Amino acid sequence: MKAVVTVTGKDKVGIIAMASRECARFGANIIDISQTVIREYFAMIMLVELENLNCDFSSFATAMKEAGEENGVDIRVMHEDIFNTMHQI
């Protein structure tokens, strides 16, 4: 199973480190990453593997959102099933 993690907000030092540290803390392996800075705004998309997740998906998504809030960015986690379902419509 995979998930897409998005991180957006005002650019500052340490955003990538924080997001990757949180993924590692829960056993989510980052398998692809893309990030950019547009003027002063940061945007990142990560594809993470959930096979070794050490909690349920909902807890992971909530913890990532909370970590983002603590660090002044917005983090959203979307299970790959959302994208697979959208493709079938």
PDB file of N, CA and C in Angstrom:
ATOM      1  N   MET A   1       0.841  -1.176   0.000  1.00  0.00           N
ATOM      2  CA  MET A   1       0.000   0.000   0.000  1.00  0.00           C
ATOM      3  C   MET A   1       0.885   1.239   0.000  1.00  0.00           C
ATOM      4  N   LYS A   2       0.359   2.266  -0.654  1.00  0.00           N
ATOM      5  CA  LYS A   2       1.093   3.518  -0.733  1.00  0.00           C
ATOM      6  C   LYS A   2       0.170   4.674  -0.355  1.00  0.00           C
ATOM      7  N   ALA A   3       0.791   5.812  -0.078  1.00  0.00           N
ATOM      8  CA  ALA A   3       0.041   7.029   0.193  1.00  0.00           C
ATOM      9  C   ALA A   3       0.784   8.202  -0.428  1.00  0.00           C
ATOM     10  N   VAL A   4       0.039   9.245  -0.731  1.00  0.00           N
ATOM     11  CA  VAL A   4       0.612  10.493  -1.207  1.00  0.00           C
ATOM     12  C   VAL A   4       0.556  11.473  -0.042  1.00  0.00           C
ATOM     13  N   VAL A   5       1.705  12.069   0.264  1.00  0.00           N
ATOM     14  CA  VAL A   5       1.811  13.047   1.339  1.00  0.00           C
ATOM     15  C   VAL A   5       2.135  14.396   0.698  1.00  0.00           C
ATOM     16  N   THR A   6       1.319  15.403   0.975  1.00  0.00           N
ATOM     17  CA  THR A   6       1.606  16.741   0.476  1.00  0.00           C
ATOM     18  C   THR A   6       1.964  17.642   1.649  1.00  0.00           C
ATOM     19  N   VAL A   7       2.928  18.519   1.403  1.00  0.00           N
ATOM     20  CA  VAL A   7       3.372  19.476   2.412  1.00  0.00           C
ATOM     21  C   VAL A   7       3.417  20.844   1.732  1.00  0.00           C
ATOM     22  N   THR A   8       2.666  21.789   2.262  1.00  0.00           N
ATOM     23  CA  THR A   8       2.650  23.134   1.684  1.00  0.00           C
ATOM     24  C   THR A   8       2.726  24.181   2.790  1.00  0.00           C
ATOM     25  N   GLY A   9       3.283  25.327   2.443  1.00  0.00           N
ATOM     26  CA  GLY A   9       3.340  26.426   3.402  1.00  0.00           C
ATOM     27  C   GLY A   9       4.416  27.420   3.035  1.00  0.00           C
ATOM     28  N   LYS A  10       4.602  28.375   3.897  1.00  0.00           N
ATOM     29  CA  LYS A  10       5.648  29.374   3.710  1.00  0.00           C
ATOM     30  C   LYS A  10       7.005  28.688   3.888  1.00  0.00           C
ATOM     31  N   ASP A  11       7.935  28.952   2.979  1.00  0.00           N
ATOM     32  CA  ASP A  11       9.230  28.282   3.006  1.00  0.00           C
ATOM     33  C   ASP A  11      10.041  28.675   4.237  1.00  0.00           C
ATOM     34  N   LYS A  12      10.703  27.684   4.802  1.00  0.00           N
ATOM     35  CA  LYS A  12      11.644  27.917   5.900  1.00  0.00           C
ATOM     36  C   LYS A  12      12.567  26.711   6.011  1.00  0.00           C
ATOM     37  N   VAL A  13      13.651  26.866   6.703  1.00  0.00           N
ATOM     38  CA  VAL A  13      14.631  25.809   6.873  1.00  0.00           C
ATOM     39  C   VAL A  13      14.024  24.640   7.652  1.00  0.00           C
ATOM     40  N   GLY A  14      14.257  23.413   7.174  1.00  0.00           N
ATOM     41  CA  GLY A  14      13.923  22.220   7.936  1.00  0.00           C
ATOM     42  C   GLY A  14      12.625  21.524   7.594  1.00  0.00           C
ATOM     43  N   ILE A  15      11.879  22.028   6.617  1.00  0.00           N
ATOM     44  CA  ILE A  15      10.585  21.391   6.312  1.00  0.00           C
ATOM     45  C   ILE A  15      10.776  19.957   5.825  1.00  0.00           C
ATOM     46  N   ILE A  16      11.694  19.754   4.890  1.00  0.00           N
ATOM     47  CA  ILE A  16      11.911  18.403   4.360  1.00  0.00           C
ATOM     48  C   ILE A  16      12.405  17.469   5.464  1.00  0.00           C
ATOM     49  N   ALA A  17      13.319  17.958   6.282  1.00  0.00           N
ATOM     50  CA  ALA A  17      13.848  17.146   7.386  1.00  0.00           C
ATOM     51  C   ALA A  17      12.731  16.740   8.341  1.00  0.00           C
ATOM     52  N   MET A  18      11.872  17.680   8.694  1.00  0.00           N
ATOM     53  CA  MET A  18      10.776  17.392   9.627  1.00  0.00           C
ATOM     54  C   MET A  18       9.820  16.351   9.044  1.00  0.00           C
ATOM     55  N   ALA A  19       9.412  16.547   7.790  1.00  0.00           N
ATOM     56  CA  ALA A  19       8.444  15.628   7.175  1.00  0.00           C
ATOM     57  C   ALA A  19       9.035  14.233   7.005  1.00  0.00           C
ATOM     58  N   SER A  20      10.292  14.157   6.575  1.00  0.00           N
ATOM     59  CA  SER A  20      10.903  12.835   6.401  1.00  0.00           C
ATOM     60  C   SER A  20      11.150  12.157   7.750  1.00  0.00           C
ATOM     61  N   ARG A  21      11.499  12.924   8.773  1.00  0.00           N
ATOM     62  CA  ARG A  21      11.691  12.368  10.122  1.00  0.00           C
ATOM     63  C   ARG A  21      10.372  11.777  10.635  1.00  0.00           C
ATOM     64  N   GLU A  22       9.262  12.492  10.407  1.00  0.00           N
ATOM     65  CA  GLU A  22       7.957  11.992  10.857  1.00  0.00           C
ATOM     66  C   GLU A  22       7.572  10.723  10.107  1.00  0.00           C
ATOM     67  N   CYS A  23       7.825  10.678   8.811  1.00  0.00           N
ATOM     68  CA  CYS A  23       7.535   9.457   8.057  1.00  0.00           C
ATOM     69  C   CYS A  23       8.333   8.287   8.627  1.00  0.00           C
ATOM     70  N   ALA A  24       9.618   8.498   8.871  1.00  0.00           N
ATOM     71  CA  ALA A  24      10.479   7.444   9.412  1.00  0.00           C
ATOM     72  C   ALA A  24      10.006   6.988  10.785  1.00  0.00           C
ATOM     73  N   ARG A  25       9.546   7.924  11.594  1.00  0.00           N
ATOM     74  CA  ARG A  25       9.073   7.593  12.946  1.00  0.00           C
ATOM     75  C   ARG A  25       7.925   6.586  12.912  1.00  0.00           C
ATOM     76  N   PHE A  26       7.114   6.644  11.869  1.00  0.00           N
ATOM     77  CA  PHE A  26       5.962   5.747  11.750  1.00  0.00           C
ATOM     78  C   PHE A  26       6.215   4.569  10.811  1.00  0.00           C
ATOM     79  N   GLY A  27       7.429   4.460  10.278  1.00  0.00           N
ATOM     80  CA  GLY A  27       7.761   3.333   9.405  1.00  0.00           C
ATOM     81  C   GLY A  27       7.323   3.514   7.969  1.00  0.00           C
ATOM     82  N   ALA A  28       6.951   4.727   7.567  1.00  0.00           N
ATOM     83  CA  ALA A  28       6.569   4.997   6.180  1.00  0.00           C
ATOM     84  C   ALA A  28       7.832   5.299   5.380  1.00  0.00           C
ATOM     85  N   ASN A  29       8.090   4.519   4.357  1.00  0.00           N
ATOM     86  CA  ASN A  29       9.290   4.674   3.545  1.00  0.00           C
ATOM     87  C   ASN A  29       9.007   5.597   2.359  1.00  0.00           C
ATOM     88  N   ILE A  30       9.786   6.660   2.231  1.00  0.00           N
ATOM     89  CA  ILE A  30       9.624   7.588   1.106  1.00  0.00           C
ATOM     90  C   ILE A  30      10.242   6.941  -0.125  1.00  0.00           C
ATOM     91  N   ILE A  31       9.416   6.716  -1.161  1.00  0.00           N
ATOM     92  CA  ILE A  31       9.925   6.077  -2.376  1.00  0.00           C
ATOM     93  C   ILE A  31      10.055   7.055  -3.531  1.00  0.00           C
ATOM     94  N   ASP A  32       9.430   8.213  -3.430  1.00  0.00           N
ATOM     95  CA  ASP A  32       9.590   9.254  -4.441  1.00  0.00           C
ATOM     96  C   ASP A  32       9.256  10.591  -3.797  1.00  0.00           C
ATOM     97  N   ILE A  33       9.932  11.632  -4.239  1.00  0.00           N
ATOM     98  CA  ILE A  33       9.714  12.947  -3.653  1.00  0.00           C
ATOM     99  C   ILE A  33       9.951  14.018  -4.707  1.00  0.00           C
ATOM    100  N   SER A  34       9.120  15.034  -4.670  1.00  0.00           N
ATOM    101  CA  SER A  34       9.282  16.195  -5.537  1.00  0.00           C
ATOM    102  C   SER A  34       8.967  17.422  -4.704  1.00  0.00           C
ATOM    103  N   GLN A  35       9.815  18.433  -4.791  1.00  0.00           N
ATOM    104  CA  GLN A  35       9.569  19.650  -4.024  1.00  0.00           C
ATOM    105  C   GLN A  35      10.002  20.851  -4.835  1.00  0.00           C
ATOM    106  N   THR A  36       9.367  21.956  -4.546  1.00  0.00           N
ATOM    107  CA  THR A  36       9.710  23.207  -5.210  1.00  0.00           C
ATOM    108  C   THR A  36       9.410  24.372  -4.284  1.00  0.00           C
ATOM    109  N   VAL A  37      10.041  25.473  -4.549  1.00  0.00           N
ATOM    110  CA  VAL A  37       9.746  26.721  -3.865  1.00  0.00           C
ATOM    111  C   VAL A  37       9.326  27.716  -4.932  1.00  0.00           C
ATOM    112  N   ILE A  38       8.142  28.269  -4.773  1.00  0.00           N
ATOM    113  CA  ILE A  38       7.619  29.277  -5.688  1.00  0.00           C
ATOM    114  C   ILE A  38       7.548  30.577  -4.905  1.00  0.00           C
ATOM    115  N   ARG A  39       8.458  31.478  -5.248  1.00  0.00           N
ATOM    116  CA  ARG A  39       8.676  32.692  -4.462  1.00  0.00           C
ATOM    117  C   ARG A  39       8.947  32.297  -3.028  1.00  0.00           C
ATOM    118  N   GLU A  40       8.087  32.648  -2.091  1.00  0.00           N
ATOM    119  CA  GLU A  40       8.350  32.294  -0.690  1.00  0.00           C
ATOM    120  C   GLU A  40       7.528  31.087  -0.219  1.00  0.00           C
ATOM    121  N   TYR A  41       6.889  30.386  -1.156  1.00  0.00           N
ATOM    122  CA  TYR A  41       6.022  29.267  -0.780  1.00  0.00           C
ATOM    123  C   TYR A  41       6.644  27.925  -1.145  1.00  0.00           C
ATOM    124  N   PHE A  42       6.541  26.979  -0.212  1.00  0.00           N
ATOM    125  CA  PHE A  42       7.106  25.646  -0.346  1.00  0.00           C
ATOM    126  C   PHE A  42       5.998  24.660  -0.694  1.00  0.00           C
ATOM    127  N   ALA A  43       6.279  23.738  -1.615  1.00  0.00           N
ATOM    128  CA  ALA A  43       5.325  22.680  -1.944  1.00  0.00           C
ATOM    129  C   ALA A  43       6.103  21.383  -2.175  1.00  0.00           C
ATOM    130  N   MET A  44       5.630  20.314  -1.560  1.00  0.00           N
ATOM    131  CA  MET A  44       6.291  19.013  -1.705  1.00  0.00           C
ATOM    132  C   MET A  44       5.241  17.918  -1.800  1.00  0.00           C
ATOM    133  N   ILE A  45       5.533  16.953  -2.649  1.00  0.00           N
ATOM    134  CA  ILE A  45       4.707  15.756  -2.769  1.00  0.00           C
ATOM    135  C   ILE A  45       5.622  14.562  -2.569  1.00  0.00           C
ATOM    136  N   MET A  46       5.219  13.679  -1.674  1.00  0.00           N
ATOM    137  CA  MET A  46       5.981  12.447  -1.442  1.00  0.00           C
ATOM    138  C   MET A  46       5.068  11.248  -1.676  1.00  0.00           C
ATOM    139  N   LEU A  47       5.625  10.220  -2.291  1.00  0.00           N
ATOM    140  CA  LEU A  47       4.949   8.936  -2.380  1.00  0.00           C
ATOM    141  C   LEU A  47       5.612   8.053  -1.344  1.00  0.00           C
ATOM    142  N   VAL A  48       4.820   7.535  -0.412  1.00  0.00           N
ATOM    143  CA  VAL A  48       5.379   6.717   0.665  1.00  0.00           C
ATOM    144  C   VAL A  48       4.787   5.314   0.636  1.00  0.00           C
ATOM    145  N   GLU A  49       5.626   4.354   0.975  1.00  0.00           N
ATOM    146  CA  GLU A  49       5.219   2.954   1.095  1.00  0.00           C
ATOM    147  C   GLU A  49       4.753   2.728   2.527  1.00  0.00           C
ATOM    148  N   LEU A  50       3.591   2.099   2.690  1.00  0.00           N
ATOM    149  CA  LEU A  50       2.998   1.905   4.005  1.00  0.00           C
ATOM    150  C   LEU A  50       3.164   0.494   4.552  1.00  0.00           C
ATOM    151  N   GLU A  51       3.878  -0.346   3.841  1.00  0.00           N
ATOM    152  CA  GLU A  51       3.996  -1.754   4.211  1.00  0.00           C
ATOM    153  C   GLU A  51       4.490  -1.963   5.637  1.00  0.00           C
ATOM    154  N   ASN A  52       5.409  -1.133   6.111  1.00  0.00           N
ATOM    155  CA  ASN A  52       5.973  -1.298   7.455  1.00  0.00           C
ATOM    156  C   ASN A  52       5.452  -0.259   8.444  1.00  0.00           C
ATOM    157  N   LEU A  53       4.299   0.317   8.149  1.00  0.00           N
ATOM    158  CA  LEU A  53       3.706   1.308   9.045  1.00  0.00           C
ATOM    159  C   LEU A  53       3.489   0.685  10.423  1.00  0.00           C
ATOM    160  N   ASN A  54       3.900   1.388  11.483  1.00  0.00           N
ATOM    161  CA  ASN A  54       3.804   0.827  12.833  1.00  0.00           C
ATOM    162  C   ASN A  54       2.547   1.277  13.583  1.00  0.00           C
ATOM    163  N   CYS A  55       1.554   1.776  12.837  1.00  0.00           N
ATOM    164  CA  CYS A  55       0.261   2.168  13.403  1.00  0.00           C
ATOM    165  C   CYS A  55      -0.769   2.059  12.285  1.00  0.00           C
ATOM    166  N   ASP A  56      -2.022   2.315  12.595  1.00  0.00           N
ATOM    167  CA  ASP A  56      -3.004   2.280  11.516  1.00  0.00           C
ATOM    168  C   ASP A  56      -2.902   3.553  10.674  1.00  0.00           C
ATOM    169  N   PHE A  57      -3.447   3.499   9.470  1.00  0.00           N
ATOM    170  CA  PHE A  57      -3.329   4.602   8.523  1.00  0.00           C
ATOM    171  C   PHE A  57      -3.895   5.906   9.074  1.00  0.00           C
ATOM    172  N   SER A  58      -5.042   5.836   9.702  1.00  0.00           N
ATOM    173  CA  SER A  58      -5.687   7.027  10.244  1.00  0.00           C
ATOM    174  C   SER A  58      -4.805   7.726  11.280  1.00  0.00           C
ATOM    175  N   SER A  59      -4.171   6.943  12.141  1.00  0.00           N
ATOM    176  CA  SER A  59      -3.274   7.518  13.152  1.00  0.00           C
ATOM    177  C   SER A  59      -2.075   8.187  12.498  1.00  0.00           C
ATOM    178  N   PHE A  60      -1.538   7.560  11.458  1.00  0.00           N
ATOM    179  CA  PHE A  60      -0.413   8.137  10.718  1.00  0.00           C
ATOM    180  C   PHE A  60      -0.819   9.474  10.092  1.00  0.00           C
ATOM    181  N   ALA A  61      -1.964   9.488   9.413  1.00  0.00           N
ATOM    182  CA  ALA A  61      -2.428  10.716   8.758  1.00  0.00           C
ATOM    183  C   ALA A  61      -2.651  11.832   9.777  1.00  0.00           C
ATOM    184  N   THR A  62      -3.247  11.504  10.904  1.00  0.00           N
ATOM    185  CA  THR A  62      -3.495  12.496  11.951  1.00  0.00           C
ATOM    186  C   THR A  62      -2.190  13.022  12.535  1.00  0.00           C
ATOM    187  N   ALA A  63      -1.247  12.135  12.804  1.00  0.00           N
ATOM    188  CA  ALA A  63       0.041  12.544  13.375  1.00  0.00           C
ATOM    189  C   ALA A  63       0.804  13.432  12.406  1.00  0.00           C
ATOM    190  N   MET A  64       0.753  13.124  11.116  1.00  0.00           N
ATOM    191  CA  MET A  64       1.440  13.951  10.126  1.00  0.00           C
ATOM    192  C   MET A  64       0.809  15.340  10.064  1.00  0.00           C
ATOM    193  N   LYS A  65      -0.519  15.400  10.105  1.00  0.00           N
ATOM    194  CA  LYS A  65      -1.210  16.692  10.094  1.00  0.00           C
ATOM    195  C   LYS A  65      -0.810  17.515  11.316  1.00  0.00           C
ATOM    196  N   GLU A  66      -0.783  16.879  12.479  1.00  0.00           N
ATOM    197  CA  GLU A  66      -0.411  17.571  13.717  1.00  0.00           C
ATOM    198  C   GLU A  66       1.046  18.055  13.672  1.00  0.00           C
ATOM    199  N   ALA A  67       1.942  17.229  13.123  1.00  0.00           N
ATOM    200  CA  ALA A  67       3.346  17.639  12.995  1.00  0.00           C
ATOM    201  C   ALA A  67       3.459  18.866  12.100  1.00  0.00           C
ATOM    202  N   GLY A  68       2.674  18.881  11.038  1.00  0.00           N
ATOM    203  CA  GLY A  68       2.671  20.043  10.157  1.00  0.00           C
ATOM    204  C   GLY A  68       2.195  21.289  10.879  1.00  0.00           C
ATOM    205  N   GLU A  69       1.112  21.161  11.628  1.00  0.00           N
ATOM    206  CA  GLU A  69       0.571  22.308  12.366  1.00  0.00           C
ATOM    207  C   GLU A  69       1.593  22.844  13.367  1.00  0.00           C
ATOM    208  N   GLU A  70       2.304  21.953  14.027  1.00  0.00           N
ATOM    209  CA  GLU A  70       3.330  22.359  14.998  1.00  0.00           C
ATOM    210  C   GLU A  70       4.495  23.090  14.328  1.00  0.00           C
ATOM    211  N   ASN A  71       4.683  22.825  13.038  1.00  0.00           N
ATOM    212  CA  ASN A  71       5.812  23.399  12.314  1.00  0.00           C
ATOM    213  C   ASN A  71       5.395  24.446  11.283  1.00  0.00           C
ATOM    214  N   GLY A  72       4.141  24.870  11.328  1.00  0.00           N
ATOM    215  CA  GLY A  72       3.681  25.965  10.485  1.00  0.00           C
ATOM    216  C   GLY A  72       3.463  25.634   9.021  1.00  0.00           C
ATOM    217  N   VAL A  73       3.233  24.349   8.717  1.00  0.00           N
ATOM    218  CA  VAL A  73       2.918  23.945   7.348  1.00  0.00           C
ATOM    219  C   VAL A  73       1.685  23.046   7.357  1.00  0.00           C
ATOM    220  N   ASP A  74       1.123  22.848   6.193  1.00  0.00           N
ATOM    221  CA  ASP A  74      -0.048  21.975   6.052  1.00  0.00           C
ATOM    222  C   ASP A  74       0.422  20.640   5.476  1.00  0.00           C
ATOM    223  N   ILE A  75       0.172  19.556   6.197  1.00  0.00           N
ATOM    224  CA  ILE A  75       0.514  18.220   5.708  1.00  0.00           C
ATOM    225  C   ILE A  75      -0.771  17.419   5.575  1.00  0.00           C
ATOM    226  N   ARG A  76      -0.935  16.832   4.398  1.00  0.00           N
ATOM    227  CA  ARG A  76      -2.098  15.976   4.131  1.00  0.00           C
ATOM    228  C   ARG A  76      -1.596  14.621   3.655  1.00  0.00           C
ATOM    229  N   VAL A  77      -2.250  13.565   4.106  1.00  0.00           N
ATOM    230  CA  VAL A  77      -1.898  12.210   3.697  1.00  0.00           C
ATOM    231  C   VAL A  77      -3.125  11.582   3.046  1.00  0.00           C
ATOM    232  N   MET A  78      -2.948  11.114   1.812  1.00  0.00           N
ATOM    233  CA  MET A  78      -4.053  10.507   1.068  1.00  0.00           C
ATOM    234  C   MET A  78      -3.668   9.093   0.653  1.00  0.00           C
ATOM    235  N   HIS A  79      -4.483   8.133   1.027  1.00  0.00           N
ATOM    236  CA  HIS A  79      -4.235   6.737   0.677  1.00  0.00           C
ATOM    237  C   HIS A  79      -4.364   6.567  -0.831  1.00  0.00           C
ATOM    238  N   GLU A  80      -3.569   5.683  -1.404  1.00  0.00           N
ATOM    239  CA  GLU A  80      -3.602   5.463  -2.844  1.00  0.00           C
ATOM    240  C   GLU A  80      -4.982   5.021  -3.340  1.00  0.00           C
ATOM    241  N   ASP A  81      -5.793   4.431  -2.480  1.00  0.00           N
ATOM    242  CA  ASP A  81      -7.132   3.997  -2.894  1.00  0.00           C
ATOM    243  C   ASP A  81      -7.975   5.160  -3.400  1.00  0.00           C
ATOM    244  N   ILE A  82      -7.756   6.359  -2.876  1.00  0.00           N
ATOM    245  CA  ILE A  82      -8.497   7.540  -3.343  1.00  0.00           C
ATOM    246  C   ILE A  82      -8.253   7.743  -4.831  1.00  0.00           C
ATOM    247  N   PHE A  83      -7.005   7.621  -5.249  1.00  0.00           N
ATOM    248  CA  PHE A  83      -6.659   7.844  -6.648  1.00  0.00           C
ATOM    249  C   PHE A  83      -7.133   6.700  -7.526  1.00  0.00           C
ATOM    250  N   ASN A  84      -7.068   5.480  -7.014  1.00  0.00           N
ATOM    251  CA  ASN A  84      -7.536   4.323  -7.786  1.00  0.00           C
ATOM    252  C   ASN A  84      -9.044   4.401  -7.994  1.00  0.00           C
ATOM    253  N   THR A  85      -9.792   4.861  -6.989  1.00  0.00           N
ATOM    254  CA  THR A  85     -11.242   4.998  -7.105  1.00  0.00           C
ATOM    255  C   THR A  85     -11.598   6.094  -8.092  1.00  0.00           C
ATOM    256  N   MET A  86     -10.869   7.200  -8.057  1.00  0.00           N
ATOM    257  CA  MET A  86     -11.133   8.314  -8.965  1.00  0.00           C
ATOM    258  C   MET A  86     -10.928   7.880 -10.414  1.00  0.00           C
ATOM    259  N   HIS A  87      -9.973   7.000 -10.652  1.00  0.00           N
ATOM    260  CA  HIS A  87      -9.675   6.543 -11.998  1.00  0.00           C
ATOM    261  C   HIS A  87     -10.840   5.709 -12.567  1.00  0.00           C
ATOM    262  N   GLN A  88     -11.559   5.021 -11.691  1.00  0.00           N
ATOM    263  CA  GLN A  88     -12.651   4.150 -12.109  1.00  0.00           C
ATOM    264  C   GLN A  88     -13.935   4.892 -12.419  1.00  0.00           C
ATOM    265  N   ILE A  89     -14.054   6.135 -11.976  1.00  0.00           N
ATOM    266  CA  ILE A  89     -15.298   6.889 -12.165  1.00  0.00           C
ATOM    267  C   ILE A  89     -15.458   7.302 -13.609  1.00  0.00           C
TER     268      ILE A  89
END
